[in-house]
Amino acid sequence: MTPKPADGKKKYPHKVSFYQDPEDTARVRGAILYTMTIEGNRNLSQFVNRAVMAEVERLEAKYNNGEPLPSVGAREMPQGGAAAAGSED
């Protein structure tokens, strides 16, 4: 359970969005729905967060001796054409 900040207000997770092929999105939802009682994923956010953080930990282990890489703000990431230049699609 996340502790409340000093001001007493509940802290909510930061919303992140991304683009995905509709077919892949449908597969993700199916994976969640049909395995939720077995795997313990309650919703899409929990599922995606677990998957993303597993990949982050893998990259940190491979490229940074298992230590967290430096944090980067949302506006510090390449956007538009610069971001697409490095995509796998």
N, C-alpha and C. Protein backbone atom coordinates (compact mmCIF):
# COMPACT_ATOMS: atom_id res chain seq x y z
N MET A 1 0.84 -1.18 0.00
CA MET A 1 0.00 0.00 0.00
C MET A 1 0.89 1.24 0.00
N THR A 2 0.55 2.20 -0.85
CA THR A 2 1.33 3.43 -0.95
C THR A 2 0.94 4.38 0.17
N PRO A 3 1.93 4.87 0.94
CA PRO A 3 1.59 5.82 2.02
C PRO A 3 1.10 7.14 1.45
N LYS A 4 0.25 7.82 2.23
CA LYS A 4 -0.26 9.12 1.80
C LYS A 4 0.83 10.17 1.94
N PRO A 5 0.87 11.14 1.02
CA PRO A 5 1.83 12.23 1.15
C PRO A 5 1.55 13.05 2.41
N ALA A 6 2.50 13.89 2.78
CA ALA A 6 2.39 14.70 4.00
C ALA A 6 1.14 15.57 4.01
N ASP A 7 0.67 16.01 2.83
CA ASP A 7 -0.52 16.87 2.79
C ASP A 7 -1.81 16.08 2.99
N GLY A 8 -1.73 14.73 3.10
CA GLY A 8 -2.89 13.90 3.38
C GLY A 8 -3.70 13.52 2.15
N LYS A 9 -3.37 14.06 0.99
CA LYS A 9 -4.11 13.73 -0.23
C LYS A 9 -3.58 12.42 -0.81
N LYS A 10 -4.50 11.64 -1.39
CA LYS A 10 -4.11 10.38 -2.00
C LYS A 10 -3.28 10.64 -3.25
N LYS A 11 -2.18 9.90 -3.40
CA LYS A 11 -1.32 10.03 -4.57
C LYS A 11 -1.76 9.00 -5.61
N TYR A 12 -2.05 9.45 -6.82
CA TYR A 12 -2.46 8.56 -7.89
C TYR A 12 -1.29 8.31 -8.83
N PRO A 13 -1.25 7.12 -9.46
CA PRO A 13 -0.18 6.86 -10.43
C PRO A 13 -0.26 7.83 -11.60
N HIS A 14 0.87 8.08 -12.21
CA HIS A 14 0.95 8.96 -13.38
C HIS A 14 0.41 8.21 -14.60
N LYS A 15 -0.43 8.86 -15.40
CA LYS A 15 -0.98 8.23 -16.59
C LYS A 15 0.02 8.32 -17.73
N VAL A 16 0.21 7.21 -18.42
CA VAL A 16 1.10 7.12 -19.57
C VAL A 16 0.30 6.53 -20.72
N SER A 17 0.47 7.06 -21.91
CA SER A 17 -0.24 6.50 -23.06
C SER A 17 0.76 6.18 -24.17
N PHE A 18 0.36 5.26 -25.04
CA PHE A 18 1.21 4.87 -26.15
C PHE A 18 0.33 4.35 -27.27
N TYR A 19 0.91 4.24 -28.45
CA TYR A 19 0.18 3.73 -29.61
C TYR A 19 0.45 2.24 -29.77
N GLN A 20 -0.60 1.51 -30.17
CA GLN A 20 -0.46 0.07 -30.35
C GLN A 20 -1.44 -0.38 -31.43
N ASP A 21 -1.04 -1.39 -32.21
CA ASP A 21 -1.95 -1.94 -33.21
C ASP A 21 -3.19 -2.49 -32.51
N PRO A 22 -4.38 -2.28 -33.08
CA PRO A 22 -5.62 -2.76 -32.45
C PRO A 22 -5.61 -4.28 -32.20
N GLU A 23 -5.01 -5.04 -33.11
CA GLU A 23 -4.95 -6.50 -32.93
C GLU A 23 -4.13 -6.86 -31.69
N ASP A 24 -3.03 -6.14 -31.49
CA ASP A 24 -2.20 -6.40 -30.31
C ASP A 24 -2.94 -6.02 -29.03
N THR A 25 -3.67 -4.91 -29.08
CA THR A 25 -4.45 -4.48 -27.91
C THR A 25 -5.49 -5.53 -27.55
N ALA A 26 -6.15 -6.09 -28.56
CA ALA A 26 -7.14 -7.14 -28.31
C ALA A 26 -6.49 -8.37 -27.69
N ARG A 27 -5.30 -8.72 -28.15
CA ARG A 27 -4.57 -9.86 -27.57
C ARG A 27 -4.21 -9.61 -26.12
N VAL A 28 -3.77 -8.39 -25.82
CA VAL A 28 -3.43 -8.03 -24.44
C VAL A 28 -4.65 -8.19 -23.55
N ARG A 29 -5.77 -7.64 -23.98
CA ARG A 29 -7.00 -7.74 -23.18
C ARG A 29 -7.40 -9.20 -22.97
N GLY A 30 -7.27 -10.01 -24.03
CA GLY A 30 -7.58 -11.43 -23.91
C GLY A 30 -6.67 -12.13 -22.91
N ALA A 31 -5.38 -11.81 -22.98
CA ALA A 31 -4.42 -12.41 -22.05
C ALA A 31 -4.77 -12.06 -20.61
N ILE A 32 -5.20 -10.82 -20.40
CA ILE A 32 -5.57 -10.40 -19.04
C ILE A 32 -6.84 -11.11 -18.60
N LEU A 33 -7.88 -11.05 -19.43
CA LEU A 33 -9.17 -11.61 -19.06
C LEU A 33 -9.10 -13.10 -18.76
N TYR A 34 -8.42 -13.85 -19.64
CA TYR A 34 -8.43 -15.30 -19.51
C TYR A 34 -7.39 -15.85 -18.54
N THR A 35 -6.54 -14.98 -17.98
CA THR A 35 -5.55 -15.46 -17.00
C THR A 35 -5.59 -14.68 -15.69
N MET A 36 -6.56 -13.78 -15.55
CA MET A 36 -6.53 -12.89 -14.38
C MET A 36 -6.60 -13.63 -13.05
N THR A 37 -7.38 -14.69 -12.96
CA THR A 37 -7.45 -15.40 -11.68
C THR A 37 -6.19 -16.24 -11.43
N ILE A 38 -5.57 -16.71 -12.48
CA ILE A 38 -4.36 -17.52 -12.36
C ILE A 38 -3.13 -16.64 -12.09
N GLU A 39 -3.01 -15.55 -12.85
CA GLU A 39 -1.82 -14.69 -12.78
C GLU A 39 -1.96 -13.53 -11.79
N GLY A 40 -3.19 -13.19 -11.43
CA GLY A 40 -3.38 -12.12 -10.46
C GLY A 40 -3.40 -10.72 -11.02
N ASN A 41 -3.50 -10.58 -12.35
CA ASN A 41 -3.62 -9.25 -12.94
C ASN A 41 -5.07 -8.81 -12.87
N ARG A 42 -5.31 -7.68 -12.20
CA ARG A 42 -6.68 -7.22 -12.01
C ARG A 42 -7.17 -6.34 -13.14
N ASN A 43 -6.25 -5.67 -13.84
CA ASN A 43 -6.68 -4.74 -14.89
C ASN A 43 -5.54 -4.48 -15.86
N LEU A 44 -5.85 -3.76 -16.92
CA LEU A 44 -4.88 -3.45 -17.97
C LEU A 44 -3.69 -2.68 -17.42
N SER A 45 -3.93 -1.69 -16.58
CA SER A 45 -2.84 -0.88 -16.03
C SER A 45 -1.85 -1.74 -15.25
N GLN A 46 -2.37 -2.61 -14.40
CA GLN A 46 -1.49 -3.47 -13.60
C GLN A 46 -0.68 -4.40 -14.50
N PHE A 47 -1.32 -4.98 -15.49
CA PHE A 47 -0.66 -5.89 -16.42
C PHE A 47 0.45 -5.18 -17.18
N VAL A 48 0.13 -4.03 -17.75
CA VAL A 48 1.12 -3.28 -18.54
C VAL A 48 2.27 -2.81 -17.65
N ASN A 49 1.96 -2.31 -16.47
CA ASN A 49 3.02 -1.84 -15.57
C ASN A 49 3.98 -2.98 -15.22
N ARG A 50 3.43 -4.15 -14.90
CA ARG A 50 4.30 -5.29 -14.57
C ARG A 50 5.19 -5.67 -15.75
N ALA A 51 4.61 -5.72 -16.94
CA ALA A 51 5.37 -6.10 -18.13
C ALA A 51 6.45 -5.08 -18.46
N VAL A 52 6.10 -3.81 -18.40
CA VAL A 52 7.05 -2.75 -18.71
C VAL A 52 8.18 -2.74 -17.69
N MET A 53 7.85 -2.84 -16.41
CA MET A 53 8.90 -2.79 -15.39
C MET A 53 9.81 -4.02 -15.45
N ALA A 54 9.29 -5.17 -15.87
CA ALA A 54 10.15 -6.34 -16.07
C ALA A 54 11.16 -6.07 -17.17
N GLU A 55 10.74 -5.41 -18.24
CA GLU A 55 11.65 -5.06 -19.34
C GLU A 55 12.65 -4.00 -18.89
N VAL A 56 12.21 -3.02 -18.12
CA VAL A 56 13.12 -1.99 -17.59
C VAL A 56 14.20 -2.66 -16.74
N GLU A 57 13.80 -3.57 -15.87
CA GLU A 57 14.77 -4.26 -15.01
C GLU A 57 15.74 -5.09 -15.84
N ARG A 58 15.26 -5.71 -16.92
CA ARG A 58 16.14 -6.48 -17.81
C ARG A 58 17.18 -5.57 -18.45
N LEU A 59 16.75 -4.42 -18.95
CA LEU A 59 17.67 -3.48 -19.59
C LEU A 59 18.68 -2.92 -18.59
N GLU A 60 18.21 -2.61 -17.39
CA GLU A 60 19.13 -2.11 -16.36
C GLU A 60 20.16 -3.17 -15.99
N ALA A 61 19.74 -4.42 -15.91
CA ALA A 61 20.67 -5.51 -15.60
C ALA A 61 21.70 -5.67 -16.72
N LYS A 62 21.25 -5.56 -17.95
CA LYS A 62 22.13 -5.77 -19.10
C LYS A 62 23.09 -4.60 -19.32
N TYR A 63 22.62 -3.38 -19.15
CA TYR A 63 23.41 -2.21 -19.54
C TYR A 63 23.90 -1.34 -18.39
N ASN A 64 23.45 -1.62 -17.15
CA ASN A 64 23.83 -0.74 -16.04
C ASN A 64 24.08 -1.52 -14.75
N ASN A 65 24.60 -2.73 -14.88
CA ASN A 65 24.94 -3.55 -13.71
C ASN A 65 23.79 -3.71 -12.73
N GLY A 66 22.57 -3.74 -13.23
CA GLY A 66 21.40 -3.92 -12.38
C GLY A 66 20.96 -2.70 -11.62
N GLU A 67 21.64 -1.59 -11.82
CA GLU A 67 21.28 -0.34 -11.15
C GLU A 67 20.29 0.43 -12.00
N PRO A 68 19.39 1.21 -11.38
CA PRO A 68 18.46 2.02 -12.16
C PRO A 68 19.21 3.00 -13.07
N LEU A 69 18.73 3.12 -14.29
CA LEU A 69 19.27 4.12 -15.20
C LEU A 69 18.77 5.49 -14.75
N PRO A 70 19.43 6.57 -15.15
CA PRO A 70 18.95 7.90 -14.75
C PRO A 70 17.51 8.14 -15.22
N SER A 71 16.73 8.78 -14.37
CA SER A 71 15.35 9.12 -14.72
C SER A 71 15.33 10.18 -15.82
N VAL A 72 14.30 10.13 -16.65
CA VAL A 72 14.14 11.07 -17.75
C VAL A 72 12.71 11.58 -17.74
N GLY A 73 12.52 12.89 -17.81
CA GLY A 73 11.19 13.48 -17.85
C GLY A 73 10.51 13.24 -19.18
N ALA A 74 9.19 13.35 -19.21
CA ALA A 74 8.40 13.08 -20.41
C ALA A 74 8.83 13.94 -21.59
N ARG A 75 9.11 15.19 -21.37
CA ARG A 75 9.48 16.09 -22.46
C ARG A 75 10.95 15.97 -22.86
N GLU A 76 11.70 15.12 -22.17
CA GLU A 76 13.10 14.90 -22.51
C GLU A 76 13.27 13.76 -23.52
N MET A 77 12.22 13.00 -23.77
CA MET A 77 12.27 11.90 -24.73
C MET A 77 12.14 12.44 -26.14
N PRO A 78 12.83 11.84 -27.13
CA PRO A 78 12.63 12.25 -28.52
C PRO A 78 11.17 12.02 -28.90
N GLN A 79 10.61 12.94 -29.66
CA GLN A 79 9.21 12.82 -30.08
C GLN A 79 9.10 12.97 -31.58
N GLY A 80 7.99 12.53 -32.12
CA GLY A 80 7.73 12.68 -33.55
C GLY A 80 8.70 11.89 -34.39
N GLY A 81 9.24 12.53 -35.44
CA GLY A 81 10.14 11.87 -36.39
C GLY A 81 11.39 11.33 -35.74
N ALA A 82 11.93 12.04 -34.75
CA ALA A 82 13.14 11.57 -34.07
C ALA A 82 12.89 10.27 -33.34
N ALA A 83 11.73 10.14 -32.73
CA ALA A 83 11.39 8.92 -32.01
C ALA A 83 11.14 7.77 -32.99
N ALA A 84 10.48 8.06 -34.10
CA ALA A 84 10.15 7.03 -35.08
C ALA A 84 11.40 6.48 -35.76
N ALA A 85 12.45 7.28 -35.85
CA ALA A 85 13.68 6.84 -36.52
C ALA A 85 14.28 5.62 -35.83
N GLY A 86 14.06 5.48 -34.53
CA GLY A 86 14.62 4.36 -33.79
C GLY A 86 13.63 3.24 -33.54
N SER A 87 12.43 3.32 -34.12
CA SER A 87 11.41 2.31 -33.82
C SER A 87 11.67 1.04 -34.60
N GLU A 88 11.09 -0.06 -34.10
CA GLU A 88 11.24 -1.37 -34.74
C GLU A 88 10.23 -1.58 -35.85
N ASP A 89 9.22 -0.74 -35.95
CA ASP A 89 8.14 -0.93 -36.93
C ASP A 89 8.59 -0.61 -38.33
